[in-house]
């Protein structure tokens, strides 16, 4: 990746996080990848090491064990764990933290969040998301698994398949029908611990992603307390449609980063392998193929970062995330084919990492929505003028508005750091701004200056719709403490 592109999206703090994570991976993970691939399992203790180092879920709030950092720390995390030549290794925390856990965080009760998020972020638990069934993959509306309420519990019966983390994982966010007669308004999300009576599992043997566990799971009259319902009953389909954008985005980030590393690995080989008296990277036809791959990789990475910025700023970017997922995963397959060709016969030998990369890349155009589904979403928006607004059932309430606002604030702080710590009192949340960081804090936190402002007014300030002087003179901003420190915020309101 070009230094210029990296400096545009990542601060020095992001790069320090990247450096620390990469060193950890080189020491604790890379020496064991081949062993875990053969064993078809990553020891669960490994994720505890990640948790102890503070690498898991850094964009989750501190109260649940995260660090309250911006989404580009998650981008760094997804990129780095995708560079180890094991798609199976990388997919495990991505599914747990960014495909399953967000539903608990966004829609779960405080009791559910307090019980299940901290052990995930400590690496003590692994989560799965249960969507696909034998007769329902991309056709989510055809899901048949049922959860019928009886008093204070649900009785679940059905089957899921192709579930990453389903065999060794600890719990699953299950998509079920709680009202089979209500169509898409009858789906709900229920958290189900995978050791409950009535659950049986079968570990699937896959072409690639050998280090991850993928399972088919059977639910035979499994009893789950109603407290495990995530959000409202009947809103599960809409929660899922909204959450798939993050799933596709992190998939795109992982795909393009893993492909970038494969290109680097291939160029290293080409600089050493000789044919007809010169190294492979001296042959023009081969040089140009690799130059083409690099050019496409850079362009797709830039677009993916753009989508990450949209997500951080709270936008519901259906078309953009669909484009990113489609193009990065199709490119990953193309690049794996081209890179393997550069190795000749050696590329077909498992001793070379390109063979595993070739196998692992194939699933990328299938999971989280096939390429065909991505094209149809884009076609509907392009040709049919379809509008994919945030589903009404999950239209932004106050909490989600705040999430988008905080994302925008972090985006601004990444460009214009605040030298001295400032406490922003938004009534519902308290935030500390310092340097490039924006983090949530509890009541009673101290800073050189405290600014009380309503979220709507802060949003207007950040968008340039309200001038700082007008807000201050009109009493919409209240400054307590050193007012000269408060002036540092002016740079954020450009």
Foldseek 3Di string as FASTA:
>chain_A
DDPVLCVVQDDPVLVVLLVVVLVCCVPPPLVCPVVLLVVLADPLVVLLVCLVVQLAPQCDAVLLPHVVWFCVSVLSSLLNQLLSLFPLRSVFRCQFRQVFCVLCVQFADPVSSNPPRNCSSSSNFTEKEFQADPVDDVNSLPDAWAWEDDPFKTFIFDKGFQIWCLPVGFKYFYWHFHDVVPGLLRIFTFIGTQVFPQKDWDWDDALASSSITTIMIGGDRTIDGPSRTGHDGSCHSLSNVQSLLSVLLSLLSSLLSNLVSLLVLLVVQQCPDDDPHHGNCVDVVLVVVSVVLVVLSVVLVSLSSVSSLCVLLLHSPLLSSLVSLLSSLVSQQVSLVSSLVSVPPVSCDPVDSSVNSNSSSPCSCPPSHHSVRSVVVNCCCVPVVDDDDNDPSPPDDPVSLVSNLVSLLLSLCSVQAQDFWEWECQPVWIWIGHRSGIHTDDPPDDGQKYKYAHSVVSVCQQVLNAQPVRCVVVVRIDMDHDVVSVVSCNSSRD
